[in-house]
Amino acid sequence: MSPDTDRIAVPTNGRGPHPVAAPVEEATPTDPADAVQLPSGIDLSNAVSPKQLAVGLGIVASVVLLLAERARRRRSGD
């Protein structure tokens, strides 16, 4: 095993542990226009997944159908 304390021993089917890959250094762009903007925590907290959007639209559609049915019953009950 490696003397590194940050590695976890993983079974390797009888083979020795793999060497630790060298960390990749991030290139800092010289031009600010080339910099990639990562979304902030606020952007991620406001993001809506397609599943959440579908559930929300389903709820809105069911409420609209319930209101339409109630309005139809009032008109035909006169």
PDB file of N, CA and C in Angstrom:
ATOM      1  N   MET A   1       0.820  -1.178   0.000  1.00  0.00           N
ATOM      2  CA  MET A   1       0.000   0.000   0.000  1.00  0.00           C
ATOM      3  C   MET A   1       0.864   1.241   0.000  1.00  0.00           C
ATOM      4  N   SER A   2       0.276   2.297  -0.400  1.00  0.00           N
ATOM      5  CA  SER A   2       0.960   3.577  -0.473  1.00  0.00           C
ATOM      6  C   SER A   2       1.046   4.209   0.918  1.00  0.00           C
ATOM      7  N   PRO A   3       2.102   4.961   1.208  1.00  0.00           N
ATOM      8  CA  PRO A   3       2.181   5.625   2.503  1.00  0.00           C
ATOM      9  C   PRO A   3       1.294   6.868   2.593  1.00  0.00           C
ATOM     10  N   ASP A   4       0.659   7.260   1.512  1.00  0.00           N
ATOM     11  CA  ASP A   4      -0.212   8.435   1.527  1.00  0.00           C
ATOM     12  C   ASP A   4      -1.401   8.187   2.454  1.00  0.00           C
ATOM     13  N   THR A   5      -1.704   9.138   3.296  1.00  0.00           N
ATOM     14  CA  THR A   5      -2.820   8.983   4.230  1.00  0.00           C
ATOM     15  C   THR A   5      -4.152   9.376   3.604  1.00  0.00           C
ATOM     16  N   ASP A   6      -4.132  10.065   2.469  1.00  0.00           N
ATOM     17  CA  ASP A   6      -5.388  10.486   1.859  1.00  0.00           C
ATOM     18  C   ASP A   6      -5.921   9.455   0.877  1.00  0.00           C
ATOM     19  N   ARG A   7      -5.231   8.343   0.711  1.00  0.00           N
ATOM     20  CA  ARG A   7      -5.716   7.281  -0.181  1.00  0.00           C
ATOM     21  C   ARG A   7      -6.468   6.245   0.617  1.00  0.00           C
ATOM     22  N   ILE A   8      -7.448   5.639  -0.001  1.00  0.00           N
ATOM     23  CA  ILE A   8      -8.227   4.582   0.620  1.00  0.00           C
ATOM     24  C   ILE A   8      -7.858   3.277  -0.071  1.00  0.00           C
ATOM     25  N   ALA A   9      -7.597   2.234   0.715  1.00  0.00           N
ATOM     26  CA  ALA A   9      -7.266   0.933   0.140  1.00  0.00           C
ATOM     27  C   ALA A   9      -8.506   0.364  -0.528  1.00  0.00           C
ATOM     28  N   VAL A  10      -8.387   0.019  -1.800  1.00  0.00           N
ATOM     29  CA  VAL A  10      -9.495  -0.512  -2.581  1.00  0.00           C
ATOM     30  C   VAL A  10      -9.063  -1.857  -3.145  1.00  0.00           C
ATOM     31  N   PRO A  11      -9.924  -2.881  -3.098  1.00  0.00           N
ATOM     32  CA  PRO A  11      -9.547  -4.165  -3.676  1.00  0.00           C
ATOM     33  C   PRO A  11      -9.286  -4.016  -5.178  1.00  0.00           C
ATOM     34  N   THR A  12      -8.218  -4.636  -5.637  1.00  0.00           N
ATOM     35  CA  THR A  12      -7.840  -4.482  -7.046  1.00  0.00           C
ATOM     36  C   THR A  12      -7.728  -5.823  -7.750  1.00  0.00           C
ATOM     37  N   ASN A  13      -8.405  -6.853  -7.246  1.00  0.00           N
ATOM     38  CA  ASN A  13      -8.410  -8.182  -7.842  1.00  0.00           C
ATOM     39  C   ASN A  13      -7.016  -8.760  -7.991  1.00  0.00           C
ATOM     40  N   GLY A  14      -6.220  -8.654  -6.942  1.00  0.00           N
ATOM     41  CA  GLY A  14      -4.900  -9.252  -6.940  1.00  0.00           C
ATOM     42  C   GLY A  14      -3.821  -8.392  -7.548  1.00  0.00           C
ATOM     43  N   ARG A  15      -4.149  -7.280  -8.093  1.00  0.00           N
ATOM     44  CA  ARG A  15      -3.152  -6.385  -8.667  1.00  0.00           C
ATOM     45  C   ARG A  15      -2.765  -5.353  -7.627  1.00  0.00           C
ATOM     46  N   GLY A  16      -1.643  -4.762  -7.799  1.00  0.00           N
ATOM     47  CA  GLY A  16      -1.190  -3.746  -6.860  1.00  0.00           C
ATOM     48  C   GLY A  16      -1.987  -2.469  -7.000  1.00  0.00           C
ATOM     49  N   PRO A  17      -1.875  -1.582  -6.012  1.00  0.00           N
ATOM     50  CA  PRO A  17      -2.602  -0.322  -6.113  1.00  0.00           C
ATOM     51  C   PRO A  17      -2.067   0.535  -7.245  1.00  0.00           C
ATOM     52  N   HIS A  18      -2.944   1.281  -7.841  1.00  0.00           N
ATOM     53  CA  HIS A  18      -2.570   2.143  -8.956  1.00  0.00           C
ATOM     54  C   HIS A  18      -1.847   3.369  -8.429  1.00  0.00           C
ATOM     55  N   PRO A  19      -0.906   3.906  -9.204  1.00  0.00           N
ATOM     56  CA  PRO A  19      -0.225   5.124  -8.741  1.00  0.00           C
ATOM     57  C   PRO A  19      -1.194   6.307  -8.733  1.00  0.00           C
ATOM     58  N   VAL A  20      -0.937   7.224  -7.835  1.00  0.00           N
ATOM     59  CA  VAL A  20      -1.771   8.415  -7.728  1.00  0.00           C
ATOM     60  C   VAL A  20      -1.466   9.323  -8.907  1.00  0.00           C
ATOM     61  N   ALA A  21      -2.515   9.766  -9.583  1.00  0.00           N
ATOM     62  CA  ALA A  21      -2.335  10.668 -10.718  1.00  0.00           C
ATOM     63  C   ALA A  21      -1.900  12.034 -10.202  1.00  0.00           C
ATOM     64  N   ALA A  22      -1.043  12.671 -10.946  1.00  0.00           N
ATOM     65  CA  ALA A  22      -0.578  14.005 -10.569  1.00  0.00           C
ATOM     66  C   ALA A  22      -1.730  14.990 -10.712  1.00  0.00           C
ATOM     67  N   PRO A  23      -1.884  15.911  -9.771  1.00  0.00           N
ATOM     68  CA  PRO A  23      -2.983  16.881  -9.893  1.00  0.00           C
ATOM     69  C   PRO A  23      -2.775  17.767 -11.114  1.00  0.00           C
ATOM     70  N   VAL A  24      -3.876  18.037 -11.770  1.00  0.00           N
ATOM     71  CA  VAL A  24      -3.847  18.872 -12.963  1.00  0.00           C
ATOM     72  C   VAL A  24      -3.948  20.329 -12.525  1.00  0.00           C
ATOM     73  N   GLU A  25      -3.003  21.126 -12.934  1.00  0.00           N
ATOM     74  CA  GLU A  25      -3.038  22.538 -12.580  1.00  0.00           C
ATOM     75  C   GLU A  25      -3.990  23.267 -13.522  1.00  0.00           C
ATOM     76  N   GLU A  26      -4.791  24.118 -12.928  1.00  0.00           N
ATOM     77  CA  GLU A  26      -5.739  24.879 -13.738  1.00  0.00           C
ATOM     78  C   GLU A  26      -5.019  26.042 -14.401  1.00  0.00           C
ATOM     79  N   ALA A  27      -5.277  26.194 -15.672  1.00  0.00           N
ATOM     80  CA  ALA A  27      -4.684  27.307 -16.406  1.00  0.00           C
ATOM     81  C   ALA A  27      -5.515  28.556 -16.140  1.00  0.00           C
ATOM     82  N   THR A  28      -4.874  29.609 -15.747  1.00  0.00           N
ATOM     83  CA  THR A  28      -5.594  30.863 -15.529  1.00  0.00           C
ATOM     84  C   THR A  28      -5.557  31.663 -16.820  1.00  0.00           C
ATOM     85  N   PRO A  29      -6.711  31.963 -17.359  1.00  0.00           N
ATOM     86  CA  PRO A  29      -6.739  32.711 -18.614  1.00  0.00           C
ATOM     87  C   PRO A  29      -6.255  34.142 -18.398  1.00  0.00           C
ATOM     88  N   THR A  30      -5.558  34.642 -19.382  1.00  0.00           N
ATOM     89  CA  THR A  30      -5.072  36.012 -19.294  1.00  0.00           C
ATOM     90  C   THR A  30      -6.164  37.001 -19.690  1.00  0.00           C
ATOM     91  N   ASP A  31      -7.054  36.573 -20.553  1.00  0.00           N
ATOM     92  CA  ASP A  31      -8.148  37.430 -21.002  1.00  0.00           C
ATOM     93  C   ASP A  31      -9.394  37.115 -20.176  1.00  0.00           C
ATOM     94  N   PRO A  32     -10.003  38.090 -19.504  1.00  0.00           N
ATOM     95  CA  PRO A  32     -11.192  37.804 -18.696  1.00  0.00           C
ATOM     96  C   PRO A  32     -12.356  37.250 -19.515  1.00  0.00           C
ATOM     97  N   ALA A  33     -12.391  37.523 -20.806  1.00  0.00           N
ATOM     98  CA  ALA A  33     -13.472  37.002 -21.644  1.00  0.00           C
ATOM     99  C   ALA A  33     -13.345  35.497 -21.811  1.00  0.00           C
ATOM    100  N   ASP A  34     -12.128  34.958 -21.651  1.00  0.00           N
ATOM    101  CA  ASP A  34     -11.919  33.521 -21.796  1.00  0.00           C
ATOM    102  C   ASP A  34     -12.261  32.759 -20.520  1.00  0.00           C
ATOM    103  N   ALA A  35     -12.416  33.438 -19.420  1.00  0.00           N
ATOM    104  CA  ALA A  35     -12.696  32.785 -18.148  1.00  0.00           C
ATOM    105  C   ALA A  35     -14.098  32.184 -18.179  1.00  0.00           C
ATOM    106  N   VAL A  36     -14.223  30.973 -17.639  1.00  0.00           N
ATOM    107  CA  VAL A  36     -15.513  30.297 -17.583  1.00  0.00           C
ATOM    108  C   VAL A  36     -16.188  30.689 -16.277  1.00  0.00           C
ATOM    109  N   GLN A  37     -17.398  31.186 -16.363  1.00  0.00           N
ATOM    110  CA  GLN A  37     -18.148  31.587 -15.186  1.00  0.00           C
ATOM    111  C   GLN A  37     -18.916  30.373 -14.668  1.00  0.00           C
ATOM    112  N   LEU A  38     -18.625  29.934 -13.452  1.00  0.00           N
ATOM    113  CA  LEU A  38     -19.366  28.851 -12.836  1.00  0.00           C
ATOM    114  C   LEU A  38     -20.573  29.441 -12.117  1.00  0.00           C
ATOM    115  N   PRO A  39     -21.672  28.692 -12.079  1.00  0.00           N
ATOM    116  CA  PRO A  39     -22.854  29.217 -11.401  1.00  0.00           C
ATOM    117  C   PRO A  39     -22.607  29.331  -9.903  1.00  0.00           C
ATOM    118  N   SER A  40     -23.127  30.379  -9.312  1.00  0.00           N
ATOM    119  CA  SER A  40     -22.960  30.580  -7.877  1.00  0.00           C
ATOM    120  C   SER A  40     -23.997  29.756  -7.123  1.00  0.00           C
ATOM    121  N   GLY A  41     -23.893  29.758  -5.815  1.00  0.00           N
ATOM    122  CA  GLY A  41     -24.843  29.033  -4.985  1.00  0.00           C
ATOM    123  C   GLY A  41     -26.255  29.563  -5.135  1.00  0.00           C
ATOM    124  N   ILE A  42     -26.377  30.869  -5.313  1.00  0.00           N
ATOM    125  CA  ILE A  42     -27.704  31.478  -5.489  1.00  0.00           C
ATOM    126  C   ILE A  42     -28.311  31.021  -6.816  1.00  0.00           C
ATOM    127  N   ASP A  43     -27.489  30.959  -7.876  1.00  0.00           N
ATOM    128  CA  ASP A  43     -27.994  30.502  -9.167  1.00  0.00           C
ATOM    129  C   ASP A  43     -28.470  29.058  -9.080  1.00  0.00           C
ATOM    130  N   LEU A  44     -27.709  28.223  -8.384  1.00  0.00           N
ATOM    131  CA  LEU A  44     -28.085  26.820  -8.271  1.00  0.00           C
ATOM    132  C   LEU A  44     -29.309  26.632  -7.389  1.00  0.00           C
ATOM    133  N   SER A  45     -29.481  27.464  -6.379  1.00  0.00           N
ATOM    134  CA  SER A  45     -30.655  27.324  -5.518  1.00  0.00           C
ATOM    135  C   SER A  45     -31.923  27.765  -6.241  1.00  0.00           C
ATOM    136  N   ASN A  46     -31.813  28.625  -7.231  1.00  0.00           N
ATOM    137  CA  ASN A  46     -32.973  29.086  -7.996  1.00  0.00           C
ATOM    138  C   ASN A  46     -33.239  28.247  -9.235  1.00  0.00           C
ATOM    139  N   ALA A  47     -32.378  27.299  -9.534  1.00  0.00           N
ATOM    140  CA  ALA A  47     -32.533  26.481 -10.733  1.00  0.00           C
ATOM    141  C   ALA A  47     -33.718  25.528 -10.563  1.00  0.00           C
ATOM    142  N   VAL A  48     -34.408  25.253 -11.655  1.00  0.00           N
ATOM    143  CA  VAL A  48     -35.553  24.353 -11.649  1.00  0.00           C
ATOM    144  C   VAL A  48     -35.231  23.194 -12.578  1.00  0.00           C
ATOM    145  N   SER A  49     -35.351  21.980 -12.062  1.00  0.00           N
ATOM    146  CA  SER A  49     -35.098  20.807 -12.893  1.00  0.00           C
ATOM    147  C   SER A  49     -36.328  20.526 -13.753  1.00  0.00           C
ATOM    148  N   PRO A  50     -36.163  19.773 -14.829  1.00  0.00           N
ATOM    149  CA  PRO A  50     -37.326  19.432 -15.668  1.00  0.00           C
ATOM    150  C   PRO A  50     -38.397  18.654 -14.889  1.00  0.00           C
ATOM    151  N   LYS A  51     -37.963  17.822 -13.942  1.00  0.00           N
ATOM    152  CA  LYS A  51     -38.928  17.068 -13.145  1.00  0.00           C
ATOM    153  C   LYS A  51     -39.752  18.005 -12.269  1.00  0.00           C
ATOM    154  N   GLN A  52     -39.095  18.972 -11.646  1.00  0.00           N
ATOM    155  CA  GLN A  52     -39.811  19.936 -10.812  1.00  0.00           C
ATOM    156  C   GLN A  52     -40.770  20.761 -11.657  1.00  0.00           C
ATOM    157  N   LEU A  53     -40.363  21.124 -12.851  1.00  0.00           N
ATOM    158  CA  LEU A  53     -41.219  21.900 -13.749  1.00  0.00           C
ATOM    159  C   LEU A  53     -42.454  21.096 -14.143  1.00  0.00           C
ATOM    160  N   ALA A  54     -42.276  19.815 -14.458  1.00  0.00           N
ATOM    161  CA  ALA A  54     -43.405  18.972 -14.848  1.00  0.00           C
ATOM    162  C   ALA A  54     -44.383  18.799 -13.689  1.00  0.00           C
ATOM    163  N   VAL A  55     -43.867  18.588 -12.480  1.00  0.00           N
ATOM    164  CA  VAL A  55     -44.749  18.432 -11.322  1.00  0.00           C
ATOM    165  C   VAL A  55     -45.509  19.728 -11.063  1.00  0.00           C
ATOM    166  N   GLY A  56     -44.823  20.852 -11.155  1.00  0.00           N
ATOM    167  CA  GLY A  56     -45.480  22.141 -10.937  1.00  0.00           C
ATOM    168  C   GLY A  56     -46.571  22.407 -11.953  1.00  0.00           C
ATOM    169  N   LEU A  57     -46.292  22.119 -13.220  1.00  0.00           N
ATOM    170  CA  LEU A  57     -47.310  22.321 -14.255  1.00  0.00           C
ATOM    171  C   LEU A  57     -48.493  21.370 -14.071  1.00  0.00           C
ATOM    172  N   GLY A  58     -48.215  20.164 -13.604  1.00  0.00           N
ATOM    173  CA  GLY A  58     -49.294  19.213 -13.332  1.00  0.00           C
ATOM    174  C   GLY A  58     -50.203  19.707 -12.224  1.00  0.00           C
ATOM    175  N   ILE A  59     -49.615  20.288 -11.184  1.00  0.00           N
ATOM    176  CA  ILE A  59     -50.411  20.828 -10.077  1.00  0.00           C
ATOM    177  C   ILE A  59     -51.258  21.998 -10.553  1.00  0.00           C
ATOM    178  N   VAL A  60     -50.659  22.889 -11.325  1.00  0.00           N
ATOM    179  CA  VAL A  60     -51.404  24.049 -11.836  1.00  0.00           C
ATOM    180  C   VAL A  60     -52.540  23.589 -12.749  1.00  0.00           C
ATOM    181  N   ALA A  61     -52.269  22.600 -13.608  1.00  0.00           N
ATOM    182  CA  ALA A  61     -53.299  22.102 -14.515  1.00  0.00           C
ATOM    183  C   ALA A  61     -54.448  21.461 -13.737  1.00  0.00           C
ATOM    184  N   SER A  62     -54.145  20.725 -12.670  1.00  0.00           N
ATOM    185  CA  SER A  62     -55.216  20.087 -11.903  1.00  0.00           C
ATOM    186  C   SER A  62     -56.067  21.131 -11.178  1.00  0.00           C
ATOM    187  N   VAL A  63     -55.444  22.186 -10.671  1.00  0.00           N
ATOM    188  CA  VAL A  63     -56.212  23.252 -10.014  1.00  0.00           C
ATOM    189  C   VAL A  63     -57.114  23.956 -11.028  1.00  0.00           C
ATOM    190  N   VAL A  64     -56.605  24.206 -12.223  1.00  0.00           N
ATOM    191  CA  VAL A  64     -57.413  24.852 -13.269  1.00  0.00           C
ATOM    192  C   VAL A  64     -58.593  23.958 -13.644  1.00  0.00           C
ATOM    193  N   LEU A  65     -58.355  22.652 -13.766  1.00  0.00           N
ATOM    194  CA  LEU A  65     -59.453  21.741 -14.099  1.00  0.00           C
ATOM    195  C   LEU A  65     -60.494  21.688 -12.984  1.00  0.00           C
ATOM    196  N   LEU A  66     -60.061  21.696 -11.733  1.00  0.00           N
ATOM    197  CA  LEU A  66     -61.019  21.708 -10.625  1.00  0.00           C
ATOM    198  C   LEU A  66     -61.862  22.977 -10.624  1.00  0.00           C
ATOM    199  N   LEU A  67     -61.244  24.113 -10.861  1.00  0.00           N
ATOM    200  CA  LEU A  67     -61.984  25.377 -10.913  1.00  0.00           C
ATOM    201  C   LEU A  67     -62.942  25.402 -12.100  1.00  0.00           C
ATOM    202  N   ALA A  68     -62.526  24.876 -13.241  1.00  0.00           N
ATOM    203  CA  ALA A  68     -63.403  24.839 -14.415  1.00  0.00           C
ATOM    204  C   ALA A  68     -64.602  23.922 -14.166  1.00  0.00           C
ATOM    205  N   GLU A  69     -64.384  22.797 -13.504  1.00  0.00           N
ATOM    206  CA  GLU A  69     -65.486  21.878 -13.201  1.00  0.00           C
ATOM    207  C   GLU A  69     -66.466  22.517 -12.221  1.00  0.00           C
ATOM    208  N   ARG A  70     -65.944  23.219 -11.233  1.00  0.00           N
ATOM    209  CA  ARG A  70     -66.814  23.887 -10.267  1.00  0.00           C
ATOM    210  C   ARG A  70     -67.646  24.972 -10.954  1.00  0.00           C
ATOM    211  N   ALA A  71     -67.039  25.733 -11.864  1.00  0.00           N
ATOM    212  CA  ALA A  71     -67.773  26.776 -12.583  1.00  0.00           C
ATOM    213  C   ALA A  71     -68.836  26.168 -13.493  1.00  0.00           C
ATOM    214  N   ARG A  72     -68.533  25.032 -14.093  1.00  0.00           N
ATOM    215  CA  ARG A  72     -69.495  24.374 -14.981  1.00  0.00           C
ATOM    216  C   ARG A  72     -70.687  23.856 -14.199  1.00  0.00           C
ATOM    217  N   ARG A  73     -70.443  23.327 -13.003  1.00  0.00           N
ATOM    218  CA  ARG A  73     -71.547  22.818 -12.181  1.00  0.00           C
ATOM    219  C   ARG A  73     -72.462  23.947 -11.726  1.00  0.00           C
ATOM    220  N   ARG A  74     -71.899  25.097 -11.420  1.00  0.00           N
ATOM    221  CA  ARG A  74     -72.726  26.228 -10.978  1.00  0.00           C
ATOM    222  C   ARG A  74     -73.653  26.688 -12.091  1.00  0.00           C
ATOM    223  N   ARG A  75     -73.136  26.711 -13.322  1.00  0.00           N
ATOM    224  CA  ARG A  75     -73.965  27.176 -14.446  1.00  0.00           C
ATOM    225  C   ARG A  75     -75.089  26.181 -14.771  1.00  0.00           C
ATOM    226  N   SER A  76     -74.813  24.897 -14.720  1.00  0.00           N
ATOM    227  CA  SER A  76     -75.824  23.918 -15.109  1.00  0.00           C
ATOM    228  C   SER A  76     -76.836  23.652 -13.991  1.00  0.00           C
ATOM    229  N   GLY A  77     -76.534  24.074 -12.741  1.00  0.00           N
ATOM    230  CA  GLY A  77     -77.446  23.850 -11.622  1.00  0.00           C
ATOM    231  C   GLY A  77     -78.550  24.877 -11.527  1.00  0.00           C
ATOM    232  N   ASP A  78     -78.562  25.903 -12.324  1.00  0.00           N
ATOM    233  CA  ASP A  78     -79.582  26.962 -12.244  1.00  0.00           C
ATOM    234  C   ASP A  78     -80.912  26.504 -12.682  1.00  0.00           C
TER     235      ASP A  78
END
